[in-house]
Amino acid sequence: MWILSADGQRRLQVDSTCKRVIRSLRNLTFKPGKAEPMDDDNSHMAEATAYMAIAISKGLTLWTVGSSETISVW
């Protein structure tokens, strides 16, 4: 599944095994007349995905695994 920009360009690819992410993005609904999502079960996963995409677009590394197997986030 691809997330497209307003002008139709592919911006983010979601792996087909991420079933919950895909389901939440497909079922996301918005408040009438606003670009703000409804606060429901679908909005939470979609919002988390959006935060991840924004972080990646700004060049942040989501995580790195060092030799000690500890994970550091950003």
PDB file of N, CA and C in Angstrom:
ATOM      1  N   MET A   1       0.844  -1.176   0.000  1.00  0.00           N
ATOM      2  CA  MET A   1       0.000   0.000   0.000  1.00  0.00           C
ATOM      3  C   MET A   1       0.888   1.237   0.000  1.00  0.00           C
ATOM      4  N   TRP A   2       0.536   2.195  -0.821  1.00  0.00           N
ATOM      5  CA  TRP A   2       1.261   3.461  -0.876  1.00  0.00           C
ATOM      6  C   TRP A   2       0.397   4.582  -0.312  1.00  0.00           C
ATOM      7  N   ILE A   3       1.026   5.468   0.441  1.00  0.00           N
ATOM      8  CA  ILE A   3       0.384   6.705   0.888  1.00  0.00           C
ATOM      9  C   ILE A   3       0.810   7.767  -0.109  1.00  0.00           C
ATOM     10  N   LEU A   4      -0.160   8.452  -0.701  1.00  0.00           N
ATOM     11  CA  LEU A   4       0.124   9.449  -1.728  1.00  0.00           C
ATOM     12  C   LEU A   4       0.035  10.852  -1.163  1.00  0.00           C
ATOM     13  N   SER A   5       0.821  11.758  -1.755  1.00  0.00           N
ATOM     14  CA  SER A   5       0.720  13.172  -1.407  1.00  0.00           C
ATOM     15  C   SER A   5      -0.513  13.753  -2.088  1.00  0.00           C
ATOM     16  N   ALA A   6      -0.823  15.003  -1.788  1.00  0.00           N
ATOM     17  CA  ALA A   6      -2.005  15.650  -2.370  1.00  0.00           C
ATOM     18  C   ALA A   6      -1.926  15.706  -3.890  1.00  0.00           C
ATOM     19  N   ASP A   7      -0.698  15.765  -4.431  1.00  0.00           N
ATOM     20  CA  ASP A   7      -0.553  15.818  -5.891  1.00  0.00           C
ATOM     21  C   ASP A   7      -0.358  14.435  -6.514  1.00  0.00           C
ATOM     22  N   GLY A   8      -0.595  13.370  -5.738  1.00  0.00           N
ATOM     23  CA  GLY A   8      -0.579  12.018  -6.277  1.00  0.00           C
ATOM     24  C   GLY A   8       0.765  11.319  -6.293  1.00  0.00           C
ATOM     25  N   GLN A   9       1.801  11.921  -5.697  1.00  0.00           N
ATOM     26  CA  GLN A   9       3.114  11.278  -5.671  1.00  0.00           C
ATOM     27  C   GLN A   9       3.175  10.259  -4.532  1.00  0.00           C
ATOM     28  N   ARG A  10       3.837   9.139  -4.792  1.00  0.00           N
ATOM     29  CA  ARG A  10       4.032   8.128  -3.758  1.00  0.00           C
ATOM     30  C   ARG A  10       4.970   8.696  -2.694  1.00  0.00           C
ATOM     31  N   ARG A  11       4.527   8.660  -1.442  1.00  0.00           N
ATOM     32  CA  ARG A  11       5.323   9.243  -0.366  1.00  0.00           C
ATOM     33  C   ARG A  11       5.759   8.228   0.688  1.00  0.00           C
ATOM     34  N   LEU A  12       4.926   7.230   0.959  1.00  0.00           N
ATOM     35  CA  LEU A  12       5.242   6.259   2.000  1.00  0.00           C
ATOM     36  C   LEU A  12       4.668   4.907   1.608  1.00  0.00           C
ATOM     37  N   GLN A  13       5.519   3.890   1.638  1.00  0.00           N
ATOM     38  CA  GLN A  13       5.043   2.544   1.346  1.00  0.00           C
ATOM     39  C   GLN A  13       4.849   1.792   2.656  1.00  0.00           C
ATOM     40  N   VAL A  14       3.681   1.196   2.812  1.00  0.00           N
ATOM     41  CA  VAL A  14       3.376   0.388   3.988  1.00  0.00           C
ATOM     42  C   VAL A  14       3.420  -1.072   3.557  1.00  0.00           C
ATOM     43  N   ASP A  15       4.255  -1.852   4.224  1.00  0.00           N
ATOM     44  CA  ASP A  15       4.392  -3.267   3.892  1.00  0.00           C
ATOM     45  C   ASP A  15       3.053  -3.982   4.067  1.00  0.00           C
ATOM     46  N   SER A  16       2.772  -4.906   3.182  1.00  0.00           N
ATOM     47  CA  SER A  16       1.483  -5.613   3.200  1.00  0.00           C
ATOM     48  C   SER A  16       1.273  -6.449   4.456  1.00  0.00           C
ATOM     49  N   THR A  17       2.343  -6.750   5.196  1.00  0.00           N
ATOM     50  CA  THR A  17       2.189  -7.513   6.436  1.00  0.00           C
ATOM     51  C   THR A  17       1.745  -6.638   7.609  1.00  0.00           C
ATOM     52  N   CYS A  18       1.749  -5.331   7.431  1.00  0.00           N
ATOM     53  CA  CYS A  18       1.315  -4.394   8.486  1.00  0.00           C
ATOM     54  C   CYS A  18      -0.195  -4.201   8.401  1.00  0.00           C
ATOM     55  N   LYS A  19      -0.905  -5.261   8.659  1.00  0.00           N
ATOM     56  CA  LYS A  19      -2.361  -5.286   8.457  1.00  0.00           C
ATOM     57  C   LYS A  19      -3.105  -4.253   9.301  1.00  0.00           C
ATOM     58  N   ARG A  20      -2.719  -4.075  10.562  1.00  0.00           N
ATOM     59  CA  ARG A  20      -3.416  -3.112  11.423  1.00  0.00           C
ATOM     60  C   ARG A  20      -3.181  -1.682  10.961  1.00  0.00           C
ATOM     61  N   VAL A  21      -1.966  -1.378  10.508  1.00  0.00           N
ATOM     62  CA  VAL A  21      -1.682  -0.027  10.001  1.00  0.00           C
ATOM     63  C   VAL A  21      -2.527   0.239   8.762  1.00  0.00           C
ATOM     64  N   ILE A  22      -2.537  -0.705   7.843  1.00  0.00           N
ATOM     65  CA  ILE A  22      -3.312  -0.541   6.607  1.00  0.00           C
ATOM     66  C   ILE A  22      -4.796  -0.392   6.920  1.00  0.00           C
ATOM     67  N   ARG A  23      -5.308  -1.235   7.803  1.00  0.00           N
ATOM     68  CA  ARG A  23      -6.730  -1.153   8.149  1.00  0.00           C
ATOM     69  C   ARG A  23      -7.068   0.196   8.783  1.00  0.00           C
ATOM     70  N   SER A  24      -6.209   0.680   9.681  1.00  0.00           N
ATOM     71  CA  SER A  24      -6.510   1.956  10.335  1.00  0.00           C
ATOM     72  C   SER A  24      -6.426   3.120   9.356  1.00  0.00           C
ATOM     73  N   LEU A  25      -5.473   3.085   8.426  1.00  0.00           N
ATOM     74  CA  LEU A  25      -5.366   4.165   7.439  1.00  0.00           C
ATOM     75  C   LEU A  25      -6.550   4.154   6.475  1.00  0.00           C
ATOM     76  N   ARG A  26      -6.967   2.978   6.064  1.00  0.00           N
ATOM     77  CA  ARG A  26      -8.107   2.882   5.135  1.00  0.00           C
ATOM     78  C   ARG A  26      -9.422   3.294   5.787  1.00  0.00           C
ATOM     79  N   ASN A  27      -9.546   3.092   7.092  1.00  0.00           N
ATOM     80  CA  ASN A  27     -10.793   3.386   7.791  1.00  0.00           C
ATOM     81  C   ASN A  27     -10.775   4.722   8.529  1.00  0.00           C
ATOM     82  N   LEU A  28      -9.721   5.500   8.349  1.00  0.00           N
ATOM     83  CA  LEU A  28      -9.607   6.793   9.019  1.00  0.00           C
ATOM     84  C   LEU A  28     -10.700   7.738   8.528  1.00  0.00           C
ATOM     85  N   THR A  29     -11.405   8.357   9.453  1.00  0.00           N
ATOM     86  CA  THR A  29     -12.449   9.320   9.102  1.00  0.00           C
ATOM     87  C   THR A  29     -12.104  10.674   9.702  1.00  0.00           C
ATOM     88  N   PHE A  30     -12.639  11.720   9.097  1.00  0.00           N
ATOM     89  CA  PHE A  30     -12.319  13.082   9.520  1.00  0.00           C
ATOM     90  C   PHE A  30     -13.558  13.804  10.019  1.00  0.00           C
ATOM     91  N   LYS A  31     -13.320  14.774  10.884  1.00  0.00           N
ATOM     92  CA  LYS A  31     -14.415  15.596  11.393  1.00  0.00           C
ATOM     93  C   LYS A  31     -14.996  16.388  10.234  1.00  0.00           C
ATOM     94  N   PRO A  32     -16.311  16.545  10.200  1.00  0.00           N
ATOM     95  CA  PRO A  32     -16.954  17.258   9.084  1.00  0.00           C
ATOM     96  C   PRO A  32     -16.365  18.655   8.873  1.00  0.00           C
ATOM     97  N   GLY A  33     -15.921  18.916   7.640  1.00  0.00           N
ATOM     98  CA  GLY A  33     -15.389  20.221   7.275  1.00  0.00           C
ATOM     99  C   GLY A  33     -13.998  20.522   7.794  1.00  0.00           C
ATOM    100  N   LYS A  34     -13.310  19.528   8.367  1.00  0.00           N
ATOM    101  CA  LYS A  34     -11.978  19.759   8.935  1.00  0.00           C
ATOM    102  C   LYS A  34     -11.000  18.696   8.451  1.00  0.00           C
ATOM    103  N   ALA A  35      -9.718  19.039   8.513  1.00  0.00           N
ATOM    104  CA  ALA A  35      -8.667  18.084   8.169  1.00  0.00           C
ATOM    105  C   ALA A  35      -8.177  17.368   9.424  1.00  0.00           C
ATOM    106  N   GLU A  36      -9.024  17.291  10.420  1.00  0.00           N
ATOM    107  CA  GLU A  36      -8.690  16.673  11.692  1.00  0.00           C
ATOM    108  C   GLU A  36      -9.403  15.329  11.804  1.00  0.00           C
ATOM    109  N   PRO A  37      -8.637  14.247  12.093  1.00  0.00           N
ATOM    110  CA  PRO A  37      -9.282  12.937  12.167  1.00  0.00           C
ATOM    111  C   PRO A  37     -10.199  12.810  13.376  1.00  0.00           C
ATOM    112  N   MET A  38     -11.220  11.978  13.213  1.00  0.00           N
ATOM    113  CA  MET A  38     -12.105  11.644  14.331  1.00  0.00           C
ATOM    114  C   MET A  38     -11.283  10.875  15.363  1.00  0.00           C
ATOM    115  N   ASP A  39     -11.591  11.048  16.622  1.00  0.00           N
ATOM    116  CA  ASP A  39     -10.887  10.336  17.683  1.00  0.00           C
ATOM    117  C   ASP A  39     -11.559   8.978  17.881  1.00  0.00           C
ATOM    118  N   ASP A  40     -11.026   7.967  17.185  1.00  0.00           N
ATOM    119  CA  ASP A  40     -11.575   6.618  17.293  1.00  0.00           C
ATOM    120  C   ASP A  40     -10.443   5.606  17.226  1.00  0.00           C
ATOM    121  N   ASP A  41     -10.781   4.334  17.144  1.00  0.00           N
ATOM    122  CA  ASP A  41      -9.763   3.280  17.129  1.00  0.00           C
ATOM    123  C   ASP A  41      -8.789   3.415  15.970  1.00  0.00           C
ATOM    124  N   ASN A  42      -9.236   3.947  14.848  1.00  0.00           N
ATOM    125  CA  ASN A  42      -8.376   4.064  13.672  1.00  0.00           C
ATOM    126  C   ASN A  42      -7.408   5.233  13.773  1.00  0.00           C
ATOM    127  N   SER A  43      -7.779   6.280  14.470  1.00  0.00           N
ATOM    128  CA  SER A  43      -6.956   7.485  14.486  1.00  0.00           C
ATOM    129  C   SER A  43      -5.650   7.293  15.248  1.00  0.00           C
ATOM    130  N   HIS A  44      -5.628   6.451  16.256  1.00  0.00           N
ATOM    131  CA  HIS A  44      -4.427   6.303  17.069  1.00  0.00           C
ATOM    132  C   HIS A  44      -3.283   5.659  16.284  1.00  0.00           C
ATOM    133  N   MET A  45      -3.556   4.586  15.575  1.00  0.00           N
ATOM    134  CA  MET A  45      -2.527   3.931  14.766  1.00  0.00           C
ATOM    135  C   MET A  45      -2.087   4.842  13.624  1.00  0.00           C
ATOM    136  N   ALA A  46      -3.038   5.530  13.002  1.00  0.00           N
ATOM    137  CA  ALA A  46      -2.713   6.439  11.903  1.00  0.00           C
ATOM    138  C   ALA A  46      -1.843   7.591  12.395  1.00  0.00           C
ATOM    139  N   GLU A  47      -2.145   8.110  13.578  1.00  0.00           N
ATOM    140  CA  GLU A  47      -1.359   9.213  14.134  1.00  0.00           C
ATOM    141  C   GLU A  47       0.062   8.758  14.459  1.00  0.00           C
ATOM    142  N   ALA A  48       0.211   7.569  15.005  1.00  0.00           N
ATOM    143  CA  ALA A  48       1.539   7.033  15.293  1.00  0.00           C
ATOM    144  C   ALA A  48       2.342   6.852  14.009  1.00  0.00           C
ATOM    145  N   THR A  49       1.689   6.383  12.957  1.00  0.00           N
ATOM    146  CA  THR A  49       2.347   6.232  11.661  1.00  0.00           C
ATOM    147  C   THR A  49       2.767   7.588  11.110  1.00  0.00           C
ATOM    148  N   ALA A  50       1.923   8.596  11.285  1.00  0.00           N
ATOM    149  CA  ALA A  50       2.250   9.949  10.820  1.00  0.00           C
ATOM    150  C   ALA A  50       3.466  10.500  11.554  1.00  0.00           C
ATOM    151  N   TYR A  51       3.530  10.312  12.874  1.00  0.00           N
ATOM    152  CA  TYR A  51       4.688  10.786  13.632  1.00  0.00           C
ATOM    153  C   TYR A  51       5.967  10.111  13.143  1.00  0.00           C
ATOM    154  N   MET A  52       5.901   8.816  12.863  1.00  0.00           N
ATOM    155  CA  MET A  52       7.066   8.105  12.358  1.00  0.00           C
ATOM    156  C   MET A  52       7.496   8.663  11.001  1.00  0.00           C
ATOM    157  N   ALA A  53       6.530   8.890  10.115  1.00  0.00           N
ATOM    158  CA  ALA A  53       6.841   9.397   8.780  1.00  0.00           C
ATOM    159  C   ALA A  53       7.456  10.791   8.848  1.00  0.00           C
ATOM    160  N   ILE A  54       6.940  11.637   9.722  1.00  0.00           N
ATOM    161  CA  ILE A  54       7.495  12.985   9.881  1.00  0.00           C
ATOM    162  C   ILE A  54       8.926  12.905  10.389  1.00  0.00           C
ATOM    163  N   ALA A  55       9.175  12.042  11.365  1.00  0.00           N
ATOM    164  CA  ALA A  55      10.526  11.892  11.905  1.00  0.00           C
ATOM    165  C   ALA A  55      11.502  11.438  10.828  1.00  0.00           C
ATOM    166  N   ILE A  56      11.097  10.468  10.025  1.00  0.00           N
ATOM    167  CA  ILE A  56      11.961   9.978   8.949  1.00  0.00           C
ATOM    168  C   ILE A  56      12.205  11.075   7.922  1.00  0.00           C
ATOM    169  N   SER A  57      11.177  11.840   7.579  1.00  0.00           N
ATOM    170  CA  SER A  57      11.332  12.895   6.569  1.00  0.00           C
ATOM    171  C   SER A  57      12.277  13.991   7.034  1.00  0.00           C
ATOM    172  N   LYS A  58      12.420  14.151   8.341  1.00  0.00           N
ATOM    173  CA  LYS A  58      13.330  15.154   8.884  1.00  0.00           C
ATOM    174  C   LYS A  58      14.731  14.588   9.113  1.00  0.00           C
ATOM    175  N   GLY A  59      14.941  13.341   8.692  1.00  0.00           N
ATOM    176  CA  GLY A  59      16.270  12.746   8.761  1.00  0.00           C
ATOM    177  C   GLY A  59      16.607  12.087  10.085  1.00  0.00           C
ATOM    178  N   LEU A  60      15.629  11.892  10.935  1.00  0.00           N
ATOM    179  CA  LEU A  60      15.896  11.252  12.215  1.00  0.00           C
ATOM    180  C   LEU A  60      15.962   9.744  12.032  1.00  0.00           C
ATOM    181  N   THR A  61      16.875   9.117  12.738  1.00  0.00           N
ATOM    182  CA  THR A  61      16.997   7.669  12.711  1.00  0.00           C
ATOM    183  C   THR A  61      16.076   7.105  13.778  1.00  0.00           C
ATOM    184  N   LEU A  62      15.196   6.220  13.392  1.00  0.00           N
ATOM    185  CA  LEU A  62      14.239   5.685  14.349  1.00  0.00           C
ATOM    186  C   LEU A  62      14.906   4.909  15.470  1.00  0.00           C
ATOM    187  N   TRP A  63      15.831   4.046  15.137  1.00  0.00           N
ATOM    188  CA  TRP A  63      16.543   3.329  16.171  1.00  0.00           C
ATOM    189  C   TRP A  63      17.817   2.749  15.602  1.00  0.00           C
ATOM    190  N   THR A  64      18.743   2.518  16.476  1.00  0.00           N
ATOM    191  CA  THR A  64      19.971   1.831  16.106  1.00  0.00           C
ATOM    192  C   THR A  64      20.224   0.767  17.163  1.00  0.00           C
ATOM    193  N   VAL A  65      20.695  -0.379  16.725  1.00  0.00           N
ATOM    194  CA  VAL A  65      21.018  -1.456  17.646  1.00  0.00           C
ATOM    195  C   VAL A  65      22.527  -1.554  17.695  1.00  0.00           C
ATOM    196  N   GLY A  66      23.082  -1.325  18.875  1.00  0.00           N
ATOM    197  CA  GLY A  66      24.523  -1.367  19.052  1.00  0.00           C
ATOM    198  C   GLY A  66      25.004  -2.756  19.408  1.00  0.00           C
ATOM    199  N   SER A  67      26.293  -2.857  19.689  1.00  0.00           N
ATOM    200  CA  SER A  67      26.876  -4.157  20.002  1.00  0.00           C
ATOM    201  C   SER A  67      26.326  -4.739  21.302  1.00  0.00           C
ATOM    202  N   SER A  68      25.826  -3.878  22.195  1.00  0.00           N
ATOM    203  CA  SER A  68      25.282  -4.378  23.457  1.00  0.00           C
ATOM    204  C   SER A  68      23.815  -4.765  23.331  1.00  0.00           C
ATOM    205  N   GLU A  69      23.276  -4.670  22.112  1.00  0.00           N
ATOM    206  CA  GLU A  69      21.884  -5.002  21.839  1.00  0.00           C
ATOM    207  C   GLU A  69      20.895  -4.083  22.562  1.00  0.00           C
ATOM    208  N   THR A  70      21.347  -2.887  22.939  1.00  0.00           N
ATOM    209  CA  THR A  70      20.413  -1.914  23.507  1.00  0.00           C
ATOM    210  C   THR A  70      19.879  -1.062  22.369  1.00  0.00           C
ATOM    211  N   ILE A  71      18.662  -0.641  22.513  1.00  0.00           N
ATOM    212  CA  ILE A  71      18.029   0.150  21.468  1.00  0.00           C
ATOM    213  C   ILE A  71      17.902   1.587  21.950  1.00  0.00           C
ATOM    214  N   SER A  72      18.401   2.523  21.151  1.00  0.00           N
ATOM    215  CA  SER A  72      18.245   3.932  21.493  1.00  0.00           C
ATOM    216  C   SER A  72      17.346   4.577  20.454  1.00  0.00           C
ATOM    217  N   VAL A  73      16.338   5.261  20.915  1.00  0.00           N
ATOM    218  CA  VAL A  73      15.381   5.902  20.019  1.00  0.00           C
ATOM    219  C   VAL A  73      15.797   7.349  19.846  1.00  0.00           C
ATOM    220  N   TRP A  74      15.925   7.744  18.623  1.00  0.00           N
ATOM    221  CA  TRP A  74      16.374   9.086  18.241  1.00  0.00           C
ATOM    222  C   TRP A  74      17.506   9.481  19.106  1.00  0.00           C
TER     223      TRP A  74
END
